[in-house]
Amino acid sequence: MTIRLELPEDIAPYFNHARAETMREAGCDPGGGPLDPAPFGMYLVARDRQGIVGLAEFCFFDQVYSSFADAYCPERVPLASYGPFGQFVGTRTIFVEPSARRRMPPVFLMLALAGCRLASSLGARFTTATTSAANRGLLGLYRKTGGELVGTLRDVEGVPCEIAVLVFQLANVMSHPAMARLDGMVEVDPEIAKEIRQRSARDAWRGRGGAREGQGGPRGGAVGAPRGRR
């Protein structure tokens, strides 16, 4: 298996498939039509000899939002207590094809760790992830890889359940025993990473009619979940 950083515009068809399946599995409405990948998103694509087996999507907070308050309700998810805004990356999607979910090493884990290593190489110190607060299996996996539960969100539009928000300190994640398995597996072109990192939400969506709801514009929820209510 290989994991490769791709430009957002090059993986749109598979992204639509992965995002729709992820939302369906979470019991969410996938929306009325296809969504474009966020132009400022980091997309890691896992492939084997048969084709694509999974995808992970990450966005730097400062490429999407102007402050923590734009990303999450600060009273319920106090991310500012961990570190500076510009050092956070949000995990939006990690999807693995059902046929590849029993592989070893786990594709999900490898995609998550590859995203953490990429984020760290670009200067991030923290990543966030969201899942259903009732999903004990995924919450357990996140905790095993260093995730700390920061808070929960209710009444998030289009999401029928309470959402748990976790934060990962990358310095701790980088010491995960499986991190060494990424050597020789991950392909990251530094020029592609640099190009994506320099994009911003407002610049990227300019000339495209603005971001549709849920597409990851300045308030579209590209990093984790919308703010939600108490």
Protein backbone atom coordinates (compact mmCIF):
# COMPACT_ATOMS: atom_id res chain seq x y z
CA MET A 1 0.00 0.00 0.00
CA THR A 2 1.08 3.56 -0.71
CA ILE A 3 -0.26 6.82 0.73
CA ARG A 4 0.21 9.89 -1.43
CA LEU A 5 -0.57 13.59 -1.01
CA GLU A 6 -2.82 14.70 -3.88
CA LEU A 7 -3.95 18.11 -5.07
CA PRO A 8 -7.63 18.62 -4.17
CA GLU A 9 -8.60 19.24 -7.79
CA ASP A 10 -7.17 15.88 -8.82
CA ILE A 11 -9.25 13.68 -6.52
CA ALA A 12 -12.76 15.18 -6.77
CA PRO A 13 -14.65 12.04 -7.95
CA TYR A 14 -13.25 9.79 -5.23
CA PHE A 15 -13.63 12.51 -2.60
CA ASN A 16 -17.35 12.73 -3.37
CA HIS A 17 -17.69 8.97 -2.94
CA ALA A 18 -15.70 8.93 0.32
CA ARG A 19 -17.48 11.92 1.85
CA ALA A 20 -20.95 10.61 0.96
CA GLU A 21 -20.21 7.17 2.39
CA THR A 22 -18.73 8.65 5.57
CA MET A 23 -21.83 10.76 6.15
CA ARG A 24 -24.19 7.88 5.44
CA GLU A 25 -22.34 5.64 7.90
CA ALA A 26 -22.65 8.38 10.52
CA GLY A 27 -26.39 8.66 9.87
CA CYS A 28 -26.07 12.14 8.35
CA ASP A 29 -27.67 13.60 5.27
CA PRO A 30 -24.98 13.62 2.53
CA GLY A 31 -26.70 16.59 0.88
CA GLY A 32 -28.39 17.24 -2.40
CA GLY A 33 -25.43 17.01 -4.73
CA PRO A 34 -21.68 16.55 -5.11
CA LEU A 35 -19.29 18.63 -3.03
CA ASP A 36 -15.95 19.84 -4.30
CA PRO A 37 -12.85 19.06 -2.25
CA ALA A 38 -11.75 22.07 -0.24
CA PRO A 39 -9.08 23.79 -2.41
CA PHE A 40 -7.00 24.40 0.74
CA GLY A 41 -7.35 20.82 2.03
CA MET A 42 -4.58 18.26 2.42
CA TYR A 43 -5.75 14.99 0.84
CA LEU A 44 -3.87 11.76 1.49
CA VAL A 45 -4.96 8.89 -0.77
CA ALA A 46 -4.20 5.25 0.03
CA ARG A 47 -3.80 2.84 -2.89
CA ASP A 48 -3.02 -0.81 -3.42
CA ARG A 49 -2.66 -2.81 -6.64
CA GLN A 50 -6.42 -2.75 -7.23
CA GLY A 51 -6.85 1.00 -6.79
CA ILE A 52 -7.83 3.49 -4.11
CA VAL A 53 -8.68 1.97 -0.73
CA GLY A 54 -9.03 5.08 1.42
CA LEU A 55 -8.69 8.83 1.84
CA ALA A 56 -7.92 11.29 4.63
CA GLU A 57 -8.77 15.00 4.54
CA PHE A 58 -7.10 17.63 6.72
CA CYS A 59 -7.27 21.45 6.83
CA PHE A 60 -5.23 24.00 8.75
CA PHE A 61 -7.50 26.13 10.91
CA ASP A 62 -5.90 29.39 9.78
CA GLN A 63 -6.68 28.61 6.12
CA VAL A 64 -10.38 28.29 6.90
CA TYR A 65 -11.26 30.38 9.93
CA SER A 66 -10.26 33.67 11.51
CA SER A 67 -10.42 32.41 15.12
CA PHE A 68 -11.29 29.41 17.30
CA ALA A 69 -14.78 30.84 17.73
CA ASP A 70 -15.43 30.46 14.01
CA ALA A 71 -14.62 26.76 14.19
CA TYR A 72 -16.29 25.59 17.40
CA CYS A 73 -18.39 27.02 20.21
CA PRO A 74 -15.55 28.05 22.58
CA GLU A 75 -17.69 27.54 25.70
CA ARG A 76 -18.11 23.85 24.84
CA VAL A 77 -14.81 23.18 23.03
CA PRO A 78 -12.03 25.28 24.67
CA LEU A 79 -9.25 24.63 22.17
CA ALA A 80 -7.48 27.90 23.00
CA SER A 81 -6.31 26.36 26.27
CA TYR A 82 -4.02 24.01 24.30
CA GLY A 83 -2.09 26.37 22.07
CA PRO A 84 -2.09 29.09 19.37
CA PHE A 85 -4.76 29.08 16.68
CA GLY A 86 -2.24 28.85 13.82
CA GLN A 87 -0.84 25.55 15.12
CA PHE A 88 -4.08 23.57 14.72
CA VAL A 89 -5.11 21.23 11.92
CA GLY A 90 -8.57 19.70 11.69
CA THR A 91 -9.27 16.15 10.51
CA ARG A 92 -12.42 16.36 8.42
CA THR A 93 -12.66 12.90 6.86
CA ILE A 94 -10.93 9.55 7.13
CA PHE A 95 -12.59 6.92 4.95
CA VAL A 96 -11.53 3.33 4.24
CA GLU A 97 -13.27 1.07 1.75
CA PRO A 98 -15.16 -1.73 3.54
CA SER A 99 -13.11 -4.36 1.69
CA ALA A 100 -9.89 -2.91 3.19
CA ARG A 101 -10.96 -2.45 6.80
CA ARG A 102 -9.51 -5.70 8.12
CA ARG A 103 -6.05 -5.20 6.65
CA MET A 104 -2.89 -5.04 8.71
CA PRO A 105 -1.52 -2.57 9.37
CA PRO A 106 -4.94 -0.86 9.59
CA VAL A 107 -5.49 1.54 6.69
CA PHE A 108 -7.42 3.94 8.95
CA LEU A 109 -4.56 4.14 11.42
CA MET A 110 -1.95 4.60 8.69
CA LEU A 111 -3.94 7.44 7.10
CA ALA A 112 -4.40 9.13 10.48
CA LEU A 113 -0.72 8.86 11.36
CA ALA A 114 0.34 10.01 7.89
CA GLY A 115 -1.85 13.08 8.31
CA CYS A 116 -0.31 13.83 11.70
CA ARG A 117 3.21 13.50 10.34
CA LEU A 118 2.40 15.77 7.39
CA ALA A 119 0.79 18.36 9.66
CA SER A 120 3.79 18.29 11.99
CA SER A 121 6.18 18.77 9.09
CA LEU A 122 4.25 21.90 8.10
CA GLY A 123 4.48 23.43 11.58
CA ALA A 124 1.32 22.21 13.30
CA ARG A 125 1.39 21.09 16.94
CA PHE A 126 -2.21 19.94 17.34
CA THR A 127 -4.88 18.15 15.33
CA THR A 128 -8.57 17.77 16.06
CA ALA A 129 -11.01 15.03 15.14
CA THR A 130 -14.76 14.59 15.56
CA THR A 131 -17.04 11.59 15.82
CA SER A 132 -20.37 10.62 17.33
CA ALA A 133 -20.18 10.82 21.11
CA ALA A 134 -21.86 7.38 21.15
CA ASN A 135 -19.23 5.74 18.91
CA ARG A 136 -17.26 4.01 21.65
CA GLY A 137 -15.15 2.03 19.19
CA LEU A 138 -13.79 5.05 17.33
CA LEU A 139 -13.44 7.08 20.51
CA GLY A 140 -11.37 4.24 21.94
CA LEU A 141 -9.17 4.14 18.85
CA TYR A 142 -8.64 7.89 18.99
CA ARG A 143 -7.69 7.71 22.67
CA LYS A 144 -5.19 4.93 21.94
CA THR A 145 -3.47 7.24 19.44
CA GLY A 146 -3.29 10.10 21.93
CA GLY A 147 -6.63 11.84 21.54
CA GLU A 148 -8.07 13.83 24.45
CA LEU A 149 -11.79 14.58 24.63
CA VAL A 150 -12.13 18.39 24.71
CA GLY A 151 -15.91 18.78 24.58
CA THR A 152 -19.12 17.89 22.79
CA LEU A 153 -21.50 19.66 20.45
CA ARG A 154 -25.27 19.27 20.14
CA ASP A 155 -27.76 20.44 17.53
CA VAL A 156 -25.21 20.50 14.70
CA GLU A 157 -27.08 21.05 11.44
CA GLY A 158 -27.50 17.83 9.46
CA VAL A 159 -26.04 15.67 12.25
CA PRO A 160 -28.59 13.68 14.28
CA CYS A 161 -26.29 12.92 17.23
CA GLU A 162 -24.06 14.57 19.80
CA ILE A 163 -20.56 15.17 18.42
CA ALA A 164 -17.39 14.56 20.41
CA VAL A 165 -14.37 16.77 19.67
CA LEU A 166 -10.89 15.42 20.42
CA VAL A 167 -7.49 17.07 20.27
CA PHE A 168 -4.17 15.33 19.62
CA GLN A 169 -0.80 16.75 20.63
CA LEU A 170 1.41 15.88 17.69
CA ALA A 171 4.56 15.58 19.78
CA ASN A 172 2.91 12.61 21.49
CA VAL A 173 1.42 11.10 18.33
CA MET A 174 4.80 11.13 16.60
CA SER A 175 6.04 8.54 19.09
CA HIS A 176 3.28 6.07 18.20
CA PRO A 177 4.83 2.60 17.56
CA ALA A 178 3.20 2.34 14.12
CA MET A 179 4.70 5.64 12.92
CA ALA A 180 7.82 3.82 11.68
CA ARG A 181 5.67 1.79 9.28
CA LEU A 182 5.03 4.94 7.26
CA ASP A 183 8.63 4.97 6.03
CA GLY A 184 8.56 3.92 2.39
CA MET A 185 4.74 3.98 2.37
CA VAL A 186 4.02 7.72 2.22
CA GLU A 187 4.79 9.93 -0.78
CA VAL A 188 4.63 13.69 -0.20
CA ASP A 189 5.83 16.13 -2.84
CA PRO A 190 7.07 19.16 -0.87
CA GLU A 191 6.01 21.50 -3.68
CA ILE A 192 2.43 20.21 -3.59
CA ALA A 193 2.31 20.55 0.20
CA LYS A 194 3.69 24.09 -0.03
CA GLU A 195 1.19 25.07 -2.74
CA ILE A 196 -1.80 23.82 -0.75
CA ARG A 197 -0.56 25.40 2.48
CA GLN A 198 -0.38 28.82 0.83
CA ARG A 199 -4.01 28.76 -0.24
CA SER A 200 -6.72 30.40 1.87
CA ALA A 201 -10.44 29.81 2.07
CA ARG A 202 -11.40 33.22 0.73
CA ASP A 203 -8.87 33.19 -2.10
CA ALA A 204 -9.63 29.59 -3.05
CA TRP A 205 -13.38 30.12 -3.32
CA ARG A 206 -13.13 33.49 -5.05
CA GLY A 207 -14.50 33.27 -8.56
CA ARG A 208 -16.39 30.04 -7.80
CA GLY A 209 -19.58 31.66 -6.61
CA GLY A 210 -18.66 31.28 -2.96
CA ALA A 211 -18.81 28.18 -0.83
CA ARG A 212 -22.06 26.26 -0.69
CA GLU A 213 -23.29 25.07 2.70
CA GLY A 214 -21.04 22.28 3.92
CA GLN A 215 -18.39 22.83 1.27
CA GLY A 216 -15.81 24.19 3.63
CA GLY A 217 -15.96 27.91 3.01
CA PRO A 218 -15.15 30.37 5.77
CA ARG A 219 -18.08 29.05 7.86
CA GLY A 220 -18.82 25.82 6.00
CA GLY A 221 -17.42 23.37 8.53
CA ALA A 222 -14.30 22.21 6.70
CA VAL A 223 -12.51 21.62 9.99
CA GLY A 224 -14.54 19.19 12.04
CA ALA A 225 -18.11 20.15 12.85
CA PRO A 226 -19.98 23.49 12.81
CA ARG A 227 -20.21 25.26 16.11
CA GLY A 228 -23.45 23.73 17.38
CA ARG A 229 -25.42 24.84 20.45
CA ARG A 230 -25.36 23.93 24.08
